[in-house]
Amino acid sequence: MGPLYKFGWFDFAYSLQLAGLIGVLFGFLLERAGFGNAKKLVSIFYLRDFAVLKVMLRRSWYA
């Protein structure tokens, strides 16, 4: 869809605030789902658990 300010819907400052709000909400939801656990995050680097990576890639696909 692209930046909303490019189409004149919002200005640049509002787009940055909206992006920050979406990022905070996404981080909060990841934390609530248990993906903020250090053991879970380290298991990605040891190639044992890819749940966090799958969620991140799926969310980036929809964005």
N, C-alpha and C. Protein backbone atom coordinates (compact mmCIF):
# COMPACT_ATOMS: atom_id res chain seq x y z
N MET A 1 0.82 -1.19 0.00
CA MET A 1 0.00 0.00 0.00
C MET A 1 0.86 1.25 0.00
N GLY A 2 1.98 1.20 0.63
CA GLY A 2 2.88 2.33 0.59
C GLY A 2 2.62 3.32 1.72
N PRO A 3 3.45 4.33 1.81
CA PRO A 3 3.26 5.33 2.87
C PRO A 3 2.00 6.14 2.63
N LEU A 4 1.21 6.29 3.67
CA LEU A 4 -0.07 6.99 3.54
C LEU A 4 0.12 8.48 3.28
N TYR A 5 1.20 9.06 3.75
CA TYR A 5 1.43 10.47 3.51
C TYR A 5 1.71 10.74 2.04
N LYS A 6 2.18 9.72 1.31
CA LYS A 6 2.45 9.88 -0.12
C LYS A 6 1.16 10.14 -0.89
N PHE A 7 0.06 9.57 -0.42
CA PHE A 7 -1.23 9.75 -1.07
C PHE A 7 -1.99 10.95 -0.52
N GLY A 8 -1.41 11.63 0.46
CA GLY A 8 -2.04 12.81 1.03
C GLY A 8 -3.07 12.52 2.11
N TRP A 9 -3.14 11.30 2.58
CA TRP A 9 -4.11 10.96 3.63
C TRP A 9 -3.64 11.46 4.99
N PHE A 10 -2.34 11.31 5.27
CA PHE A 10 -1.75 11.75 6.53
C PHE A 10 -0.46 12.48 6.21
N ASP A 11 -0.03 13.30 7.15
CA ASP A 11 1.28 13.91 6.97
C ASP A 11 2.36 12.96 7.50
N PHE A 12 3.61 13.33 7.29
CA PHE A 12 4.73 12.47 7.63
C PHE A 12 4.80 12.19 9.12
N ALA A 13 4.58 13.19 9.95
CA ALA A 13 4.67 13.02 11.41
C ALA A 13 3.61 12.04 11.90
N TYR A 14 2.39 12.15 11.38
CA TYR A 14 1.32 11.23 11.80
C TYR A 14 1.63 9.80 11.35
N SER A 15 2.22 9.64 10.17
CA SER A 15 2.59 8.31 9.71
C SER A 15 3.63 7.67 10.61
N LEU A 16 4.58 8.46 11.09
CA LEU A 16 5.59 7.94 12.02
C LEU A 16 4.96 7.55 13.35
N GLN A 17 4.04 8.34 13.83
CA GLN A 17 3.35 8.01 15.08
C GLN A 17 2.53 6.74 14.92
N LEU A 18 1.86 6.60 13.80
CA LEU A 18 1.06 5.40 13.54
C LEU A 18 1.96 4.17 13.45
N ALA A 19 3.09 4.29 12.78
CA ALA A 19 4.04 3.17 12.69
C ALA A 19 4.58 2.80 14.06
N GLY A 20 4.88 3.77 14.90
CA GLY A 20 5.34 3.49 16.25
C GLY A 20 4.29 2.78 17.09
N LEU A 21 3.05 3.22 16.96
CA LEU A 21 1.96 2.59 17.70
C LEU A 21 1.76 1.14 17.25
N ILE A 22 1.80 0.90 15.97
CA ILE A 22 1.65 -0.47 15.45
C ILE A 22 2.81 -1.34 15.93
N GLY A 23 4.03 -0.79 15.94
CA GLY A 23 5.18 -1.53 16.41
C GLY A 23 5.10 -1.90 17.89
N VAL A 24 4.64 -0.95 18.69
CA VAL A 24 4.50 -1.21 20.13
C VAL A 24 3.43 -2.28 20.37
N LEU A 25 2.31 -2.17 19.67
CA LEU A 25 1.25 -3.18 19.82
C LEU A 25 1.72 -4.56 19.37
N PHE A 26 2.45 -4.61 18.27
CA PHE A 26 2.97 -5.89 17.80
C PHE A 26 3.94 -6.49 18.80
N GLY A 27 4.83 -5.67 19.36
CA GLY A 27 5.76 -6.15 20.37
C GLY A 27 5.06 -6.62 21.62
N PHE A 28 4.01 -5.90 22.03
CA PHE A 28 3.23 -6.31 23.19
C PHE A 28 2.57 -7.67 22.96
N LEU A 29 2.01 -7.85 21.77
CA LEU A 29 1.37 -9.13 21.47
C LEU A 29 2.37 -10.27 21.41
N LEU A 30 3.55 -10.01 20.88
CA LEU A 30 4.59 -11.05 20.87
C LEU A 30 5.00 -11.41 22.30
N GLU A 31 5.12 -10.41 23.14
CA GLU A 31 5.50 -10.65 24.53
C GLU A 31 4.42 -11.46 25.25
N ARG A 32 3.16 -11.11 25.02
CA ARG A 32 2.05 -11.85 25.64
C ARG A 32 1.98 -13.29 25.15
N ALA A 33 2.39 -13.52 23.91
CA ALA A 33 2.36 -14.87 23.35
C ALA A 33 3.53 -15.72 23.83
N GLY A 34 4.48 -15.12 24.55
CA GLY A 34 5.61 -15.87 25.07
C GLY A 34 6.84 -15.85 24.19
N PHE A 35 6.81 -15.03 23.14
CA PHE A 35 7.95 -14.98 22.24
C PHE A 35 9.05 -14.05 22.74
N GLY A 36 8.88 -13.44 23.88
CA GLY A 36 9.92 -12.62 24.48
C GLY A 36 10.82 -13.40 25.41
N ASN A 37 10.54 -14.67 25.57
CA ASN A 37 11.33 -15.54 26.43
C ASN A 37 12.73 -15.73 25.84
N ALA A 38 13.74 -15.53 26.66
CA ALA A 38 15.12 -15.62 26.17
C ALA A 38 15.45 -17.01 25.64
N LYS A 39 14.96 -18.04 26.31
CA LYS A 39 15.23 -19.41 25.83
C LYS A 39 14.61 -19.65 24.47
N LYS A 40 13.44 -19.10 24.26
CA LYS A 40 12.75 -19.26 22.98
C LYS A 40 13.51 -18.52 21.87
N LEU A 41 14.01 -17.35 22.19
CA LEU A 41 14.75 -16.58 21.19
C LEU A 41 16.10 -17.21 20.86
N VAL A 42 16.77 -17.74 21.86
CA VAL A 42 18.07 -18.37 21.64
C VAL A 42 17.92 -19.67 20.85
N SER A 43 16.78 -20.34 21.01
CA SER A 43 16.59 -21.60 20.30
C SER A 43 16.54 -21.40 18.78
N ILE A 44 16.26 -20.18 18.34
CA ILE A 44 16.32 -19.91 16.90
C ILE A 44 17.75 -20.04 16.41
N PHE A 45 18.70 -19.50 17.17
CA PHE A 45 20.10 -19.52 16.76
C PHE A 45 20.70 -20.92 16.81
N TYR A 46 20.15 -21.78 17.67
CA TYR A 46 20.61 -23.17 17.72
C TYR A 46 19.83 -24.08 16.76
N LEU A 47 18.96 -23.48 15.96
CA LEU A 47 18.16 -24.18 14.95
C LEU A 47 17.30 -25.28 15.56
N ARG A 48 16.69 -24.98 16.70
CA ARG A 48 15.83 -25.95 17.38
C ARG A 48 14.35 -25.60 17.30
N ASP A 49 14.03 -24.32 17.39
CA ASP A 49 12.63 -23.90 17.43
C ASP A 49 12.45 -22.70 16.50
N PHE A 50 11.59 -22.85 15.52
CA PHE A 50 11.41 -21.79 14.54
C PHE A 50 10.06 -21.08 14.68
N ALA A 51 9.40 -21.22 15.82
CA ALA A 51 8.08 -20.62 16.01
C ALA A 51 8.14 -19.10 15.90
N VAL A 52 9.11 -18.48 16.54
CA VAL A 52 9.22 -17.03 16.50
C VAL A 52 9.52 -16.57 15.08
N LEU A 53 10.41 -17.25 14.41
CA LEU A 53 10.77 -16.89 13.04
C LEU A 53 9.57 -17.02 12.11
N LYS A 54 8.78 -18.07 12.29
CA LYS A 54 7.59 -18.25 11.46
C LYS A 54 6.61 -17.11 11.66
N VAL A 55 6.40 -16.72 12.90
CA VAL A 55 5.46 -15.63 13.19
C VAL A 55 5.97 -14.33 12.57
N MET A 56 7.25 -14.04 12.73
CA MET A 56 7.81 -12.81 12.19
C MET A 56 7.72 -12.78 10.67
N LEU A 57 8.03 -13.88 10.02
CA LEU A 57 7.98 -13.91 8.56
C LEU A 57 6.54 -13.83 8.05
N ARG A 58 5.62 -14.45 8.74
CA ARG A 58 4.22 -14.36 8.32
C ARG A 58 3.69 -12.96 8.50
N ARG A 59 4.06 -12.30 9.60
CA ARG A 59 3.60 -10.92 9.81
C ARG A 59 4.21 -9.99 8.79
N SER A 60 5.48 -10.18 8.45
CA SER A 60 6.10 -9.30 7.46
C SER A 60 5.51 -9.55 6.08
N TRP A 61 5.04 -10.75 5.83
CA TRP A 61 4.41 -11.04 4.53
C TRP A 61 3.12 -10.24 4.39
N TYR A 62 2.34 -10.13 5.49
CA TYR A 62 1.08 -9.42 5.43
C TYR A 62 1.27 -7.92 5.43
N ALA A 63 2.40 -7.46 5.93
CA ALA A 63 2.65 -6.01 5.97
C ALA A 63 3.06 -5.55 4.63
